[in-house]
Amino acid sequence: MKFCISAAILLLVPALIIGQGPPCSIDASIRSIVSQYNRNMRFECRSVTDQSSYASCPSGYSVSSCSCGMGCGSWDIQGSNKCHCQCANMDWTSARCCRITS
């Protein structure tokens, strides 16, 4: 299961890191689901990157996925708002942070 999730994230990394192009297809799917239940609710996502082993989401956001530099594929989510890359001497860590607002 972790392999499938990691593989899906690796395919989405360019969209997650750049963050300026069209919305991620997963984001668009979730937006569609949210809007079906309540037209006043919005689904917002943003990427946060830090030059360390950790990347934290802003207040009110939760981590939906993580990615790591240096080819590291071992990561975990700490709490609900922090990505942690488990390899030594990480050059960057990225967190995809999302929230639902009304």
PDB file of N, CA and C in Angstrom:
ATOM      1  N   MET A   1       0.820  -1.189   0.000  1.00  0.00           N
ATOM      2  CA  MET A   1       0.000   0.000   0.000  1.00  0.00           C
ATOM      3  C   MET A   1       0.866   1.256   0.000  1.00  0.00           C
ATOM      4  N   LYS A   2       1.909   1.290   0.874  1.00  0.00           N
ATOM      5  CA  LYS A   2       2.789   2.452   0.924  1.00  0.00           C
ATOM      6  C   LYS A   2       3.481   2.641  -0.427  1.00  0.00           C
ATOM      7  N   PHE A   3       3.832   1.537  -1.094  1.00  0.00           N
ATOM      8  CA  PHE A   3       4.465   1.635  -2.407  1.00  0.00           C
ATOM      9  C   PHE A   3       3.536   2.307  -3.405  1.00  0.00           C
ATOM     10  N   CYS A   4       2.269   1.934  -3.412  1.00  0.00           N
ATOM     11  CA  CYS A   4       1.301   2.528  -4.349  1.00  0.00           C
ATOM     12  C   CYS A   4       1.128   4.018  -4.083  1.00  0.00           C
ATOM     13  N   ILE A   5       1.034   4.382  -2.814  1.00  0.00           N
ATOM     14  CA  ILE A   5       0.886   5.795  -2.467  1.00  0.00           C
ATOM     15  C   ILE A   5       2.139   6.564  -2.867  1.00  0.00           C
ATOM     16  N   SER A   6       3.308   5.990  -2.564  1.00  0.00           N
ATOM     17  CA  SER A   6       4.565   6.651  -2.924  1.00  0.00           C
ATOM     18  C   SER A   6       4.694   6.809  -4.433  1.00  0.00           C
ATOM     19  N   ALA A   7       4.318   5.778  -5.183  1.00  0.00           N
ATOM     20  CA  ALA A   7       4.393   5.854  -6.645  1.00  0.00           C
ATOM     21  C   ALA A   7       3.469   6.944  -7.177  1.00  0.00           C
ATOM     22  N   ALA A   8       2.276   7.040  -6.624  1.00  0.00           N
ATOM     23  CA  ALA A   8       1.336   8.081  -7.060  1.00  0.00           C
ATOM     24  C   ALA A   8       1.898   9.462  -6.758  1.00  0.00           C
ATOM     25  N   ILE A   9       2.513   9.619  -5.598  1.00  0.00           N
ATOM     26  CA  ILE A   9       3.086  10.916  -5.228  1.00  0.00           C
ATOM     27  C   ILE A   9       4.252  11.262  -6.153  1.00  0.00           C
ATOM     28  N   LEU A  10       5.102  10.284  -6.453  1.00  0.00           N
ATOM     29  CA  LEU A  10       6.237  10.548  -7.335  1.00  0.00           C
ATOM     30  C   LEU A  10       5.783  11.014  -8.719  1.00  0.00           C
ATOM     31  N   LEU A  11       4.656  10.530  -9.169  1.00  0.00           N
ATOM     32  CA  LEU A  11       4.137  10.976 -10.454  1.00  0.00           C
ATOM     33  C   LEU A  11       3.594  12.393 -10.380  1.00  0.00           C
ATOM     34  N   LEU A  12       3.189  12.824  -9.186  1.00  0.00           N
ATOM     35  CA  LEU A  12       2.599  14.151  -9.005  1.00  0.00           C
ATOM     36  C   LEU A  12       3.592  15.194  -8.519  1.00  0.00           C
ATOM     37  N   VAL A  13       4.837  14.789  -8.209  1.00  0.00           N
ATOM     38  CA  VAL A  13       5.815  15.708  -7.631  1.00  0.00           C
ATOM     39  C   VAL A  13       5.995  16.984  -8.455  1.00  0.00           C
ATOM     40  N   PRO A  14       6.167  16.910  -9.778  1.00  0.00           N
ATOM     41  CA  PRO A  14       6.345  18.170 -10.511  1.00  0.00           C
ATOM     42  C   PRO A  14       5.186  19.141 -10.308  1.00  0.00           C
ATOM     43  N   ALA A  15       3.983  18.673 -10.326  1.00  0.00           N
ATOM     44  CA  ALA A  15       2.823  19.551 -10.121  1.00  0.00           C
ATOM     45  C   ALA A  15       2.800  20.084  -8.699  1.00  0.00           C
ATOM     46  N   LEU A  16       3.217  19.262  -7.731  1.00  0.00           N
ATOM     47  CA  LEU A  16       3.205  19.696  -6.336  1.00  0.00           C
ATOM     48  C   LEU A  16       4.267  20.751  -6.072  1.00  0.00           C
ATOM     49  N   ILE A  17       5.437  20.587  -6.667  1.00  0.00           N
ATOM     50  CA  ILE A  17       6.535  21.500  -6.404  1.00  0.00           C
ATOM     51  C   ILE A  17       6.337  22.824  -7.130  1.00  0.00           C
ATOM     52  N   ILE A  18       5.966  22.767  -8.379  1.00  0.00           N
ATOM     53  CA  ILE A  18       5.820  23.990  -9.169  1.00  0.00           C
ATOM     54  C   ILE A  18       4.675  24.824  -8.638  1.00  0.00           C
ATOM     55  N   GLY A  19       3.516  24.237  -8.465  1.00  0.00           N
ATOM     56  CA  GLY A  19       2.383  24.896  -7.851  1.00  0.00           C
ATOM     57  C   GLY A  19       1.805  26.063  -8.638  1.00  0.00           C
ATOM     58  N   GLN A  20       2.344  26.393  -9.803  1.00  0.00           N
ATOM     59  CA  GLN A  20       1.869  27.526 -10.578  1.00  0.00           C
ATOM     60  C   GLN A  20       1.066  27.095 -11.799  1.00  0.00           C
ATOM     61  N   GLY A  21       1.136  25.846 -12.159  1.00  0.00           N
ATOM     62  CA  GLY A  21       0.443  25.362 -13.344  1.00  0.00           C
ATOM     63  C   GLY A  21      -1.012  25.063 -13.040  1.00  0.00           C
ATOM     64  N   PRO A  22      -1.633  24.257 -13.884  1.00  0.00           N
ATOM     65  CA  PRO A  22      -3.024  23.889 -13.647  1.00  0.00           C
ATOM     66  C   PRO A  22      -3.152  23.084 -12.361  1.00  0.00           C
ATOM     67  N   PRO A  23      -4.324  23.076 -11.741  1.00  0.00           N
ATOM     68  CA  PRO A  23      -4.485  22.348 -10.483  1.00  0.00           C
ATOM     69  C   PRO A  23      -4.213  20.860 -10.657  1.00  0.00           C
ATOM     70  N   CYS A  24      -3.677  20.289  -9.620  1.00  0.00           N
ATOM     71  CA  CYS A  24      -3.419  18.854  -9.595  1.00  0.00           C
ATOM     72  C   CYS A  24      -4.734  18.113  -9.823  1.00  0.00           C
ATOM     73  N   SER A  25      -4.696  17.024 -10.561  1.00  0.00           N
ATOM     74  CA  SER A  25      -5.933  16.300 -10.864  1.00  0.00           C
ATOM     75  C   SER A  25      -6.613  15.782  -9.596  1.00  0.00           C
ATOM     76  N   ILE A  26      -5.818  15.418  -8.590  1.00  0.00           N
ATOM     77  CA  ILE A  26      -6.409  14.977  -7.320  1.00  0.00           C
ATOM     78  C   ILE A  26      -7.114  16.152  -6.667  1.00  0.00           C
ATOM     79  N   ASP A  27      -6.465  17.326  -6.666  1.00  0.00           N
ATOM     80  CA  ASP A  27      -7.091  18.521  -6.104  1.00  0.00           C
ATOM     81  C   ASP A  27      -8.403  18.808  -6.821  1.00  0.00           C
ATOM     82  N   ALA A  28      -8.404  18.728  -8.145  1.00  0.00           N
ATOM     83  CA  ALA A  28      -9.611  19.002  -8.921  1.00  0.00           C
ATOM     84  C   ALA A  28     -10.714  18.002  -8.587  1.00  0.00           C
ATOM     85  N   SER A  29     -10.350  16.743  -8.405  1.00  0.00           N
ATOM     86  CA  SER A  29     -11.341  15.718  -8.050  1.00  0.00           C
ATOM     87  C   SER A  29     -11.961  16.005  -6.694  1.00  0.00           C
ATOM     88  N   ILE A  30     -11.124  16.375  -5.725  1.00  0.00           N
ATOM     89  CA  ILE A  30     -11.641  16.664  -4.389  1.00  0.00           C
ATOM     90  C   ILE A  30     -12.503  17.915  -4.418  1.00  0.00           C
ATOM     91  N   ARG A  31     -12.074  18.939  -5.175  1.00  0.00           N
ATOM     92  CA  ARG A  31     -12.895  20.151  -5.304  1.00  0.00           C
ATOM     93  C   ARG A  31     -14.276  19.802  -5.829  1.00  0.00           C
ATOM     94  N   SER A  32     -14.328  18.908  -6.810  1.00  0.00           N
ATOM     95  CA  SER A  32     -15.597  18.499  -7.400  1.00  0.00           C
ATOM     96  C   SER A  32     -16.487  17.810  -6.358  1.00  0.00           C
ATOM     97  N   ILE A  33     -15.896  16.926  -5.570  1.00  0.00           N
ATOM     98  CA  ILE A  33     -16.651  16.207  -4.539  1.00  0.00           C
ATOM     99  C   ILE A  33     -17.168  17.181  -3.487  1.00  0.00           C
ATOM    100  N   VAL A  34     -16.303  18.097  -3.032  1.00  0.00           N
ATOM    101  CA  VAL A  34     -16.705  19.068  -2.016  1.00  0.00           C
ATOM    102  C   VAL A  34     -17.855  19.927  -2.531  1.00  0.00           C
ATOM    103  N   SER A  35     -17.748  20.398  -3.775  1.00  0.00           N
ATOM    104  CA  SER A  35     -18.794  21.283  -4.305  1.00  0.00           C
ATOM    105  C   SER A  35     -20.131  20.564  -4.487  1.00  0.00           C
ATOM    106  N   GLN A  36     -20.123  19.253  -4.640  1.00  0.00           N
ATOM    107  CA  GLN A  36     -21.368  18.499  -4.754  1.00  0.00           C
ATOM    108  C   GLN A  36     -22.165  18.549  -3.453  1.00  0.00           C
ATOM    109  N   TYR A  37     -21.476  18.635  -2.319  1.00  0.00           N
ATOM    110  CA  TYR A  37     -22.149  18.605  -1.024  1.00  0.00           C
ATOM    111  C   TYR A  37     -22.516  19.987  -0.501  1.00  0.00           C
ATOM    112  N   ASN A  38     -21.714  20.965  -0.834  1.00  0.00           N
ATOM    113  CA  ASN A  38     -22.019  22.307  -0.345  1.00  0.00           C
ATOM    114  C   ASN A  38     -21.378  23.324  -1.275  1.00  0.00           C
ATOM    115  N   ARG A  39     -22.169  24.070  -1.962  1.00  0.00           N
ATOM    116  CA  ARG A  39     -21.671  25.055  -2.930  1.00  0.00           C
ATOM    117  C   ARG A  39     -20.884  26.180  -2.249  1.00  0.00           C
ATOM    118  N   ASN A  40     -21.078  26.399  -0.946  1.00  0.00           N
ATOM    119  CA  ASN A  40     -20.385  27.470  -0.243  1.00  0.00           C
ATOM    120  C   ASN A  40     -19.005  27.057   0.261  1.00  0.00           C
ATOM    121  N   MET A  41     -18.676  25.775   0.160  1.00  0.00           N
ATOM    122  CA  MET A  41     -17.388  25.303   0.650  1.00  0.00           C
ATOM    123  C   MET A  41     -16.370  25.319  -0.486  1.00  0.00           C
ATOM    124  N   ARG A  42     -15.107  25.598  -0.104  1.00  0.00           N
ATOM    125  CA  ARG A  42     -14.014  25.588  -1.075  1.00  0.00           C
ATOM    126  C   ARG A  42     -12.895  24.688  -0.572  1.00  0.00           C
ATOM    127  N   PHE A  43     -12.215  24.043  -1.510  1.00  0.00           N
ATOM    128  CA  PHE A  43     -11.081  23.186  -1.205  1.00  0.00           C
ATOM    129  C   PHE A  43      -9.834  23.912  -1.683  1.00  0.00           C
ATOM    130  N   GLU A  44      -8.922  24.222  -0.762  1.00  0.00           N
ATOM    131  CA  GLU A  44      -7.711  24.961  -1.095  1.00  0.00           C
ATOM    132  C   GLU A  44      -6.481  24.132  -0.776  1.00  0.00           C
ATOM    133  N   CYS A  45      -5.516  24.134  -1.684  1.00  0.00           N
ATOM    134  CA  CYS A  45      -4.252  23.436  -1.449  1.00  0.00           C
ATOM    135  C   CYS A  45      -3.089  24.356  -1.807  1.00  0.00           C
ATOM    136  N   ARG A  46      -1.983  24.139  -1.144  1.00  0.00           N
ATOM    137  CA  ARG A  46      -0.757  24.853  -1.449  1.00  0.00           C
ATOM    138  C   ARG A  46       0.414  23.952  -1.107  1.00  0.00           C
ATOM    139  N   SER A  47       1.546  24.197  -1.726  1.00  0.00           N
ATOM    140  CA  SER A  47       2.759  23.439  -1.442  1.00  0.00           C
ATOM    141  C   SER A  47       3.695  24.276  -0.593  1.00  0.00           C
ATOM    142  N   VAL A  48       4.322  23.619   0.371  1.00  0.00           N
ATOM    143  CA  VAL A  48       5.292  24.269   1.237  1.00  0.00           C
ATOM    144  C   VAL A  48       6.581  23.466   1.147  1.00  0.00           C
ATOM    145  N   THR A  49       7.686  24.135   0.855  1.00  0.00           N
ATOM    146  CA  THR A  49       8.981  23.466   0.747  1.00  0.00           C
ATOM    147  C   THR A  49       9.966  24.120   1.697  1.00  0.00           C
ATOM    148  N   ASP A  50      10.766  23.288   2.365  1.00  0.00           N
ATOM    149  CA  ASP A  50      11.782  23.791   3.282  1.00  0.00           C
ATOM    150  C   ASP A  50      13.091  23.081   2.968  1.00  0.00           C
ATOM    151  N   GLN A  51      14.200  23.735   3.215  1.00  0.00           N
ATOM    152  CA  GLN A  51      15.514  23.148   2.939  1.00  0.00           C
ATOM    153  C   GLN A  51      16.040  22.424   4.173  1.00  0.00           C
ATOM    154  N   SER A  52      15.261  21.431   4.604  1.00  0.00           N
ATOM    155  CA  SER A  52      15.630  20.606   5.759  1.00  0.00           C
ATOM    156  C   SER A  52      14.881  19.285   5.649  1.00  0.00           C
ATOM    157  N   SER A  53      14.825  18.549   6.733  1.00  0.00           N
ATOM    158  CA  SER A  53      14.110  17.273   6.756  1.00  0.00           C
ATOM    159  C   SER A  53      12.631  17.436   7.083  1.00  0.00           C
ATOM    160  N   TYR A  54      12.193  18.657   7.359  1.00  0.00           N
ATOM    161  CA  TYR A  54      10.806  18.917   7.759  1.00  0.00           C
ATOM    162  C   TYR A  54      10.191  20.019   6.908  1.00  0.00           C
ATOM    163  N   ALA A  55       8.903  19.896   6.640  1.00  0.00           N
ATOM    164  CA  ALA A  55       8.111  20.962   6.024  1.00  0.00           C
ATOM    165  C   ALA A  55       6.778  20.994   6.748  1.00  0.00           C
ATOM    166  N   SER A  56       6.409  22.166   7.245  1.00  0.00           N
ATOM    167  CA  SER A  56       5.182  22.308   8.032  1.00  0.00           C
ATOM    168  C   SER A  56       4.142  23.121   7.282  1.00  0.00           C
ATOM    169  N   CYS A  57       2.898  22.681   7.397  1.00  0.00           N
ATOM    170  CA  CYS A  57       1.780  23.396   6.787  1.00  0.00           C
ATOM    171  C   CYS A  57       1.408  24.596   7.644  1.00  0.00           C
ATOM    172  N   PRO A  58       0.869  25.647   7.008  1.00  0.00           N
ATOM    173  CA  PRO A  58       0.382  26.792   7.783  1.00  0.00           C
ATOM    174  C   PRO A  58      -0.793  26.387   8.666  1.00  0.00           C
ATOM    175  N   SER A  59      -1.090  27.209   9.630  1.00  0.00           N
ATOM    176  CA  SER A  59      -2.204  26.964  10.536  1.00  0.00           C
ATOM    177  C   SER A  59      -3.503  26.779   9.758  1.00  0.00           C
ATOM    178  N   GLY A  60      -4.267  25.752  10.122  1.00  0.00           N
ATOM    179  CA  GLY A  60      -5.543  25.483   9.469  1.00  0.00           C
ATOM    180  C   GLY A  60      -5.457  24.513   8.303  1.00  0.00           C
ATOM    181  N   TYR A  61      -4.254  24.178   7.859  1.00  0.00           N
ATOM    182  CA  TYR A  61      -4.053  23.243   6.746  1.00  0.00           C
ATOM    183  C   TYR A  61      -3.593  21.897   7.297  1.00  0.00           C
ATOM    184  N   SER A  62      -3.884  20.830   6.573  1.00  0.00           N
ATOM    185  CA  SER A  62      -3.419  19.487   6.910  1.00  0.00           C
ATOM    186  C   SER A  62      -2.602  18.934   5.754  1.00  0.00           C
ATOM    187  N   VAL A  63      -1.624  18.086   6.074  1.00  0.00           N
ATOM    188  CA  VAL A  63      -0.786  17.467   5.042  1.00  0.00           C
ATOM    189  C   VAL A  63      -1.598  16.443   4.269  1.00  0.00           C
ATOM    190  N   SER A  64      -1.542  16.504   2.937  1.00  0.00           N
ATOM    191  CA  SER A  64      -2.174  15.466   2.128  1.00  0.00           C
ATOM    192  C   SER A  64      -1.122  14.573   1.484  1.00  0.00           C
ATOM    193  N   SER A  65       0.123  15.069   1.338  1.00  0.00           N
ATOM    194  CA  SER A  65       1.208  14.248   0.812  1.00  0.00           C
ATOM    195  C   SER A  65       2.545  14.939   1.081  1.00  0.00           C
ATOM    196  N   CYS A  66       3.628  14.163   0.944  1.00  0.00           N
ATOM    197  CA  CYS A  66       4.978  14.674   1.157  1.00  0.00           C
ATOM    198  C   CYS A  66       5.871  14.229   0.010  1.00  0.00           C
ATOM    199  N   SER A  67       6.957  14.955  -0.196  1.00  0.00           N
ATOM    200  CA  SER A  67       7.998  14.511  -1.124  1.00  0.00           C
ATOM    201  C   SER A  67       9.337  14.987  -0.578  1.00  0.00           C
ATOM    202  N   CYS A  68      10.398  14.238  -0.953  1.00  0.00           N
ATOM    203  CA  CYS A  68      11.721  14.488  -0.396  1.00  0.00           C
ATOM    204  C   CYS A  68      12.755  14.608  -1.505  1.00  0.00           C
ATOM    205  N   GLY A  69      13.804  15.372  -1.231  1.00  0.00           N
ATOM    206  CA  GLY A  69      14.906  15.502  -2.165  1.00  0.00           C
ATOM    207  C   GLY A  69      15.858  14.328  -2.074  1.00  0.00           C
ATOM    208  N   MET A  70      16.902  14.384  -2.889  1.00  0.00           N
ATOM    209  CA  MET A  70      17.985  13.398  -2.894  1.00  0.00           C
ATOM    210  C   MET A  70      17.492  11.970  -3.119  1.00  0.00           C
ATOM    211  N   GLY A  71      16.377  11.799  -3.805  1.00  0.00           N
ATOM    212  CA  GLY A  71      15.861  10.468  -4.104  1.00  0.00           C
ATOM    213  C   GLY A  71      15.348   9.716  -2.888  1.00  0.00           C
ATOM    214  N   CYS A  72      15.100  10.412  -1.814  1.00  0.00           N
ATOM    215  CA  CYS A  72      14.614   9.762  -0.589  1.00  0.00           C
ATOM    216  C   CYS A  72      13.127   9.454  -0.734  1.00  0.00           C
ATOM    217  N   GLY A  73      12.741   8.232  -0.517  1.00  0.00           N
ATOM    218  CA  GLY A  73      11.343   7.839  -0.606  1.00  0.00           C
ATOM    219  C   GLY A  73      10.742   7.490   0.742  1.00  0.00           C
ATOM    220  N   SER A  74      11.497   7.732   1.816  1.00  0.00           N
ATOM    221  CA  SER A  74      11.008   7.405   3.162  1.00  0.00           C
ATOM    222  C   SER A  74      10.590   8.679   3.871  1.00  0.00           C
ATOM    223  N   TRP A  75       9.298   8.779   4.133  1.00  0.00           N
ATOM    224  CA  TRP A  75       8.782   9.957   4.825  1.00  0.00           C
ATOM    225  C   TRP A  75       7.607   9.559   5.693  1.00  0.00           C
ATOM    226  N   ASP A  76       7.261  10.428   6.626  1.00  0.00           N
ATOM    227  CA  ASP A  76       6.086  10.214   7.455  1.00  0.00           C
ATOM    228  C   ASP A  76       5.448  11.570   7.733  1.00  0.00           C
ATOM    229  N   ILE A  77       4.186  11.515   8.137  1.00  0.00           N
ATOM    230  CA  ILE A  77       3.460  12.723   8.514  1.00  0.00           C
ATOM    231  C   ILE A  77       3.393  12.744  10.031  1.00  0.00           C
ATOM    232  N   GLN A  78       3.883  13.821  10.616  1.00  0.00           N
ATOM    233  CA  GLN A  78       3.884  13.963  12.072  1.00  0.00           C
ATOM    234  C   GLN A  78       2.768  14.910  12.464  1.00  0.00           C
ATOM    235  N   GLY A  79       1.931  14.450  13.384  1.00  0.00           N
ATOM    236  CA  GLY A  79       0.728  15.204  13.709  1.00  0.00           C
ATOM    237  C   GLY A  79      -0.157  15.183  12.480  1.00  0.00           C
ATOM    238  N   SER A  80      -0.709  16.288  12.126  1.00  0.00           N
ATOM    239  CA  SER A  80      -1.477  16.351  10.875  1.00  0.00           C
ATOM    240  C   SER A  80      -0.943  17.438   9.969  1.00  0.00           C
ATOM    241  N   ASN A  81       0.129  18.133  10.412  1.00  0.00           N
ATOM    242  CA  ASN A  81       0.568  19.275   9.619  1.00  0.00           C
ATOM    243  C   ASN A  81       2.061  19.329   9.323  1.00  0.00           C
ATOM    244  N   LYS A  82       2.799  18.220   9.510  1.00  0.00           N
ATOM    245  CA  LYS A  82       4.239  18.268   9.278  1.00  0.00           C
ATOM    246  C   LYS A  82       4.735  17.027   8.533  1.00  0.00           C
ATOM    247  N   CYS A  83       5.473  17.251   7.443  1.00  0.00           N
ATOM    248  CA  CYS A  83       6.132  16.158   6.715  1.00  0.00           C
ATOM    249  C   CYS A  83       7.552  16.010   7.250  1.00  0.00           C
ATOM    250  N   HIS A  84       7.984  14.766   7.367  1.00  0.00           N
ATOM    251  CA  HIS A  84       9.339  14.473   7.828  1.00  0.00           C
ATOM    252  C   HIS A  84       9.972  13.472   6.867  1.00  0.00           C
ATOM    253  N   CYS A  85      11.060  13.879   6.224  1.00  0.00           N
ATOM    254  CA  CYS A  85      11.822  12.961   5.365  1.00  0.00           C
ATOM    255  C   CYS A  85      12.832  12.237   6.243  1.00  0.00           C
ATOM    256  N   GLN A  86      12.865  10.912   6.135  1.00  0.00           N
ATOM    257  CA  GLN A  86      13.626  10.091   7.072  1.00  0.00           C
ATOM    258  C   GLN A  86      15.066   9.823   6.657  1.00  0.00           C
ATOM    259  N   CYS A  87      15.488  10.255   5.480  1.00  0.00           N
ATOM    260  CA  CYS A  87      16.867  10.039   5.040  1.00  0.00           C
ATOM    261  C   CYS A  87      17.783  11.104   5.654  1.00  0.00           C
ATOM    262  N   ALA A  88      19.058  10.767   5.799  1.00  0.00           N
ATOM    263  CA  ALA A  88      20.027  11.696   6.386  1.00  0.00           C
ATOM    264  C   ALA A  88      20.374  12.822   5.421  1.00  0.00           C
ATOM    265  N   ASN A  89      20.689  13.977   5.967  1.00  0.00           N
ATOM    266  CA  ASN A  89      21.184  15.134   5.210  1.00  0.00           C
ATOM    267  C   ASN A  89      20.272  15.562   4.061  1.00  0.00           C
ATOM    268  N   MET A  90      19.002  15.724   4.339  1.00  0.00           N
ATOM    269  CA  MET A  90      18.039  16.119   3.297  1.00  0.00           C
ATOM    270  C   MET A  90      18.315  17.546   2.832  1.00  0.00           C
ATOM    271  N   ASP A  91      18.199  17.756   1.500  1.00  0.00           N
ATOM    272  CA  ASP A  91      18.374  19.106   0.969  1.00  0.00           C
ATOM    273  C   ASP A  91      17.036  19.838   0.854  1.00  0.00           C
ATOM    274  N   TRP A  92      15.931  19.098   0.752  1.00  0.00           N
ATOM    275  CA  TRP A  92      14.604  19.733   0.763  1.00  0.00           C
ATOM    276  C   TRP A  92      13.529  18.721   1.103  1.00  0.00           C
ATOM    277  N   THR A  93      12.439  19.241   1.637  1.00  0.00           N
ATOM    278  CA  THR A  93      11.239  18.471   1.940  1.00  0.00           C
ATOM    279  C   THR A  93      10.052  19.324   1.522  1.00  0.00           C
ATOM    280  N   SER A  94       9.071  18.702   0.882  1.00  0.00           N
ATOM    281  CA  SER A  94       7.890  19.431   0.438  1.00  0.00           C
ATOM    282  C   SER A  94       6.630  18.782   1.006  1.00  0.00           C
ATOM    283  N   ALA A  95       5.698  19.621   1.417  1.00  0.00           N
ATOM    284  CA  ALA A  95       4.411  19.153   1.935  1.00  0.00           C
ATOM    285  C   ALA A  95       3.306  19.746   1.071  1.00  0.00           C
ATOM    286  N   ARG A  96       2.332  18.930   0.712  1.00  0.00           N
ATOM    287  CA  ARG A  96       1.127  19.429   0.035  1.00  0.00           C
ATOM    288  C   ARG A  96       0.102  19.629   1.132  1.00  0.00           C
ATOM    289  N   CYS A  97      -0.312  20.865   1.329  1.00  0.00           N
ATOM    290  CA  CYS A  97      -1.162  21.253   2.439  1.00  0.00           C
ATOM    291  C   CYS A  97      -2.547  21.652   1.910  1.00  0.00           C
ATOM    292  N   CYS A  98      -3.592  21.097   2.498  1.00  0.00           N
ATOM    293  CA  CYS A  98      -4.949  21.370   2.032  1.00  0.00           C
ATOM    294  C   CYS A  98      -5.886  21.705   3.196  1.00  0.00           C
ATOM    295  N   ARG A  99      -6.962  22.428   2.872  1.00  0.00           N
ATOM    296  CA  ARG A  99      -7.996  22.717   3.846  1.00  0.00           C
ATOM    297  C   ARG A  99      -9.319  22.940   3.110  1.00  0.00           C
ATOM    298  N   ILE A 100     -10.401  22.772   3.857  1.00  0.00           N
ATOM    299  CA  ILE A 100     -11.739  23.048   3.327  1.00  0.00           C
ATOM    300  C   ILE A 100     -12.244  24.277   4.070  1.00  0.00           C
ATOM    301  N   THR A 101     -12.681  25.266   3.309  1.00  0.00           N
ATOM    302  CA  THR A 101     -13.196  26.500   3.906  1.00  0.00           C
ATOM    303  C   THR A 101     -14.609  26.752   3.423  1.00  0.00           C
ATOM    304  N   SER A 102     -15.305  27.605   4.140  1.00  0.00           N
ATOM    305  CA  SER A 102     -16.670  27.947   3.711  1.00  0.00           C
ATOM    306  C   SER A 102     -16.745  29.398   3.305  1.00  0.00           C
TER     307      SER A 102
END
